Amino acid sequence: MMKRLLLTLVCASAAAAVLAGCASPEPRYYTLAQGPGAVAAPAPAAAPSTDTLWLEVAPVRVPERLNRPQLVVRDGRSGNDGGSDAGVRLLDLSRWSSPLPDELRDALSQRLQATLGAVDTYQQGLSDVQPLYRITTEVLRLDADVGQRAGATINWTVRRLPDGKVVSGRTQAELPAPGEVDGVVAAYRQIVASTANDIAAGVQALRR
C-alpha cells in the first residue's frame, strides 16, 4: 500500500513538472515613456491662461508593418519563419504596452510638455481650448538589429495657429543598441527624445 502511494506521488510530481515545462512564457511589455519601463501619468490639466503654451500633439503615423502589438525588428537570419514578414521579425514575447502610434505620441507629448513648459490639449482632452501650435509626426523608418543598433527617420511639422505658418523638419538617428531588446527600447527612447528636441526648436522658432 505504501509503495503504491509513493508511486502515485512520484507520478503526480512528474506530471506537474512536465506541465510546468510546457507552460508558455509570459510576454514582457515595453513603453517609450520617460523613465525605466514606467508609463508616465499625464500632467494635471492646467487652467486656461494667456501665458500658457498650448500644444496639440496629433497621433503619430507609422508604417502598417510596424503597427503591431509586438516589437518589429530586422531579421538577420537566412530565411524567415512563419512569424516574419520579408526582412523583419515579430518578437512575440516583447510587446508594446499600448499601440505603437500611441506610445510614440504620448512619449513625444510628455517630453515636449516638459521641455517647453507647455500643455498638450490632445492629451488632456481640452476640446474647448484652441492650441497655439499643432504638431504632426510621421515615422518613415523605425528598425533595429537586436543587440546591435537601432535607427529611425521621422518627419515632423509644427503649424502655428491661427495664421498657419509652418516649420517642418526631419529627425534621423542611428544609435548603438546593446543588451538585447532592452537596448533596442532604450535606443528608441533616445530617438524620441531627439525628435522632441527638434520639434521644440521648431516651436521656439515660430514663437520669435
Protein backbone atom coordinates (compact mmCIF):
# COMPACT_ATOMS: atom_id res chain seq x y z
CA MET A 1 0.00 0.00 0.00
CA MET A 2 2.83 2.38 0.95
CA LYS A 3 4.69 1.58 -2.28
CA ARG A 4 1.55 2.25 -4.33
CA LEU A 5 1.01 5.62 -2.58
CA LEU A 6 4.67 6.58 -3.10
CA LEU A 7 4.43 5.67 -6.79
CA THR A 8 1.29 7.78 -7.14
CA LEU A 9 3.03 10.80 -5.57
CA VAL A 10 6.07 10.40 -7.82
CA CYS A 11 3.88 10.21 -10.92
CA ALA A 12 1.90 13.27 -9.84
CA SER A 13 5.11 15.27 -9.26
CA ALA A 14 6.48 14.23 -12.65
CA ALA A 15 3.25 15.23 -14.39
CA ALA A 16 3.29 18.63 -12.66
CA ALA A 17 6.89 19.19 -13.76
CA VAL A 18 6.03 18.31 -17.35
CA LEU A 19 3.06 20.68 -17.33
CA ALA A 20 5.17 23.49 -15.86
CA GLY A 21 7.80 22.94 -18.53
CA CYS A 22 5.16 23.13 -21.26
CA ALA A 23 3.62 26.40 -19.99
CA SER A 24 4.07 29.28 -22.44
CA PRO A 25 6.37 32.08 -21.22
CA GLU A 26 4.64 35.37 -20.49
CA PRO A 27 5.36 38.31 -22.83
CA ARG A 28 7.20 41.34 -21.50
CA TYR A 29 5.73 44.79 -22.11
CA TYR A 30 7.70 47.91 -23.00
CA THR A 31 6.91 51.61 -23.14
CA LEU A 32 8.58 54.63 -24.74
CA ALA A 33 7.56 56.87 -21.85
CA GLN A 34 10.32 58.59 -19.91
CA GLY A 35 11.77 56.53 -17.08
CA PRO A 36 12.95 52.91 -16.92
CA GLY A 37 9.97 50.89 -18.06
CA ALA A 38 7.36 53.06 -16.38
CA VAL A 39 4.34 54.59 -18.06
CA ALA A 40 4.24 58.23 -17.07
CA ALA A 41 0.92 59.66 -15.94
CA PRO A 42 -0.33 62.74 -17.78
CA ALA A 43 0.26 66.05 -16.04
CA PRO A 44 -2.86 67.56 -14.49
CA ALA A 45 -4.79 69.86 -16.80
CA ALA A 46 -3.87 73.49 -16.39
CA ALA A 47 -6.39 76.29 -16.13
CA PRO A 48 -6.61 78.43 -19.29
CA SER A 49 -4.22 81.38 -19.19
CA THR A 50 -2.85 83.88 -21.68
CA ASP A 51 0.64 82.76 -20.64
CA THR A 52 0.04 79.05 -21.22
CA LEU A 53 1.77 77.49 -24.21
CA TRP A 54 -0.92 75.27 -25.66
CA LEU A 55 0.12 72.45 -27.99
CA GLU A 56 -1.81 69.80 -29.86
CA VAL A 57 0.34 66.73 -30.50
CA ALA A 58 -1.58 64.73 -33.11
CA PRO A 59 -1.45 60.91 -33.32
CA VAL A 60 1.77 59.69 -34.95
CA ARG A 61 1.52 57.98 -38.32
CA VAL A 62 3.57 54.79 -38.64
CA PRO A 63 4.01 52.27 -41.48
CA GLU A 64 1.44 49.50 -41.24
CA ARG A 65 4.15 46.85 -40.90
CA LEU A 66 5.18 48.45 -37.58
CA ASN A 67 1.68 48.88 -36.23
CA ARG A 68 1.72 45.60 -34.30
CA PRO A 69 1.48 44.70 -30.61
CA GLN A 70 4.89 43.03 -30.89
CA LEU A 71 8.19 44.83 -31.40
CA VAL A 72 9.23 44.52 -35.04
CA VAL A 73 12.95 44.14 -35.72
CA ARG A 74 15.13 43.27 -38.67
CA ASP A 75 15.54 39.58 -39.35
CA GLY A 76 19.26 38.88 -39.56
CA ARG A 77 18.78 35.16 -40.14
CA SER A 78 18.88 33.44 -43.51
CA GLY A 79 15.25 32.89 -44.32
CA ASN A 80 12.16 33.81 -42.27
CA ASP A 81 9.90 31.83 -40.02
CA GLY A 82 6.13 31.88 -40.00
CA GLY A 83 6.02 34.96 -37.77
CA SER A 84 8.01 37.20 -40.08
CA ASP A 85 7.34 39.50 -42.98
CA ALA A 86 10.01 39.82 -45.67
CA GLY A 87 13.13 41.05 -43.87
CA VAL A 88 11.52 41.62 -40.47
CA ARG A 89 10.72 39.54 -37.40
CA LEU A 90 7.95 39.91 -34.81
CA LEU A 91 9.10 39.43 -31.21
CA ASP A 92 6.08 37.68 -29.73
CA LEU A 93 7.47 37.84 -26.19
CA SER A 94 8.37 41.55 -26.42
CA ARG A 95 5.31 43.79 -26.81
CA TRP A 96 4.34 47.45 -26.56
CA SER A 97 2.22 48.39 -23.56
CA SER A 98 -0.11 50.29 -25.94
CA PRO A 99 -0.35 50.58 -29.76
CA LEU A 100 2.89 51.95 -31.20
CA PRO A 101 1.29 55.16 -32.59
CA ASP A 102 0.01 55.90 -29.07
CA GLU A 103 3.37 55.03 -27.49
CA LEU A 104 5.14 57.47 -29.81
CA ARG A 105 2.55 60.23 -29.45
CA ASP A 106 2.42 60.02 -25.66
CA ALA A 107 6.22 59.92 -25.32
CA LEU A 108 6.65 62.92 -27.64
CA SER A 109 3.92 64.82 -25.80
CA GLN A 110 5.47 64.04 -22.41
CA ARG A 111 8.88 65.34 -23.48
CA LEU A 112 7.53 68.41 -25.29
CA GLN A 113 5.45 69.45 -22.29
CA ALA A 114 8.49 69.07 -20.02
CA THR A 115 10.89 70.85 -22.40
CA LEU A 116 8.63 73.77 -23.31
CA GLY A 117 6.61 74.05 -20.10
CA ALA A 118 3.56 73.52 -22.32
CA VAL A 119 0.21 71.75 -22.06
CA ASP A 120 -0.97 69.28 -24.71
CA THR A 121 -4.67 69.86 -25.32
CA TYR A 122 -4.99 66.49 -27.09
CA GLN A 123 -3.61 64.53 -24.15
CA GLN A 124 -5.64 66.49 -21.63
CA GLY A 125 -8.85 66.23 -23.65
CA LEU A 126 -9.29 70.03 -23.67
CA SER A 127 -11.51 70.28 -26.74
CA ASP A 128 -12.66 73.79 -25.77
CA VAL A 129 -9.11 75.22 -25.80
CA GLN A 130 -7.62 76.41 -29.08
CA PRO A 131 -3.98 75.23 -29.30
CA LEU A 132 -1.32 77.71 -30.39
CA TYR A 133 0.79 75.08 -32.17
CA ARG A 134 -0.32 71.86 -33.84
CA ILE A 135 2.34 69.15 -34.19
CA THR A 136 2.11 66.28 -36.67
CA THR A 137 4.63 63.47 -36.98
CA GLU A 138 5.20 60.60 -39.41
CA VAL A 139 7.59 57.71 -38.91
CA LEU A 140 9.18 56.74 -42.22
CA ARG A 141 11.57 54.20 -40.70
CA LEU A 142 11.99 52.61 -37.28
CA ASP A 143 14.12 49.48 -37.21
CA ALA A 144 16.69 47.63 -35.19
CA ASP A 145 19.08 44.71 -35.19
CA VAL A 146 18.69 43.21 -31.72
CA GLY A 147 21.85 43.55 -29.67
CA GLN A 148 23.49 45.81 -32.26
CA ARG A 149 21.82 49.04 -33.41
CA ALA A 150 18.56 50.95 -33.82
CA GLY A 151 17.63 53.72 -36.23
CA ALA A 152 14.79 55.93 -37.38
CA THR A 153 13.72 58.57 -39.86
CA ILE A 154 10.88 60.76 -38.60
CA ASN A 155 9.26 63.71 -40.39
CA TRP A 156 7.56 66.37 -38.29
CA THR A 157 5.67 69.62 -38.79
CA VAL A 158 4.81 72.45 -36.40
CA ARG A 159 1.92 74.67 -37.52
CA ARG A 160 1.23 77.97 -35.75
CA LEU A 161 -2.42 78.88 -35.32
CA PRO A 162 -4.34 80.73 -36.49
CA ASP A 163 -2.07 82.13 -39.22
CA GLY A 164 -0.91 78.69 -40.40
CA LYS A 165 2.82 79.44 -40.54
CA VAL A 166 4.76 76.17 -40.67
CA VAL A 167 8.17 74.84 -39.67
CA SER A 168 8.99 71.33 -40.90
CA GLY A 169 11.93 69.06 -40.30
CA ARG A 170 13.27 65.53 -40.30
CA THR A 171 14.98 63.71 -37.46
CA GLN A 172 17.33 60.90 -38.44
CA ALA A 173 19.25 58.75 -36.00
CA GLU A 174 21.43 55.64 -35.83
CA LEU A 175 22.34 54.50 -32.32
CA PRO A 176 24.06 51.51 -30.75
CA ALA A 177 21.59 49.19 -29.03
CA PRO A 178 23.47 46.63 -26.91
CA GLY A 179 21.70 44.41 -24.43
CA GLU A 180 19.08 42.61 -26.49
CA VAL A 181 15.51 44.05 -26.51
CA ASP A 182 16.12 46.36 -23.54
CA GLY A 183 18.88 48.03 -25.55
CA VAL A 184 16.58 48.49 -28.55
CA VAL A 185 13.87 50.15 -26.43
CA ALA A 186 16.44 52.38 -24.72
CA ALA A 187 17.72 53.50 -28.14
CA TYR A 188 14.17 54.18 -29.30
CA ARG A 189 13.62 56.35 -26.22
CA GLN A 190 16.71 58.37 -27.14
CA ILE A 191 15.40 58.76 -30.69
CA VAL A 192 12.07 60.03 -29.32
CA ALA A 193 13.97 62.50 -27.11
CA SER A 194 15.98 63.78 -30.10
CA THR A 195 12.81 64.16 -32.15
CA ALA A 196 11.11 66.07 -29.32
CA ASN A 197 14.13 68.39 -29.04
CA ASP A 198 14.00 69.11 -32.77
CA ILE A 199 10.26 69.79 -32.63
CA ALA A 200 10.71 72.04 -29.58
CA ALA A 201 13.27 74.05 -31.53
CA GLY A 202 10.69 74.39 -34.31
CA VAL A 203 8.11 75.68 -31.84
CA GLN A 204 10.59 78.19 -30.45
CA ALA A 205 11.44 79.38 -33.97
CA LEU A 206 7.75 80.17 -34.56
CA ARG A 207 7.47 82.00 -31.23
CA ARG A 208 10.10 84.59 -32.17
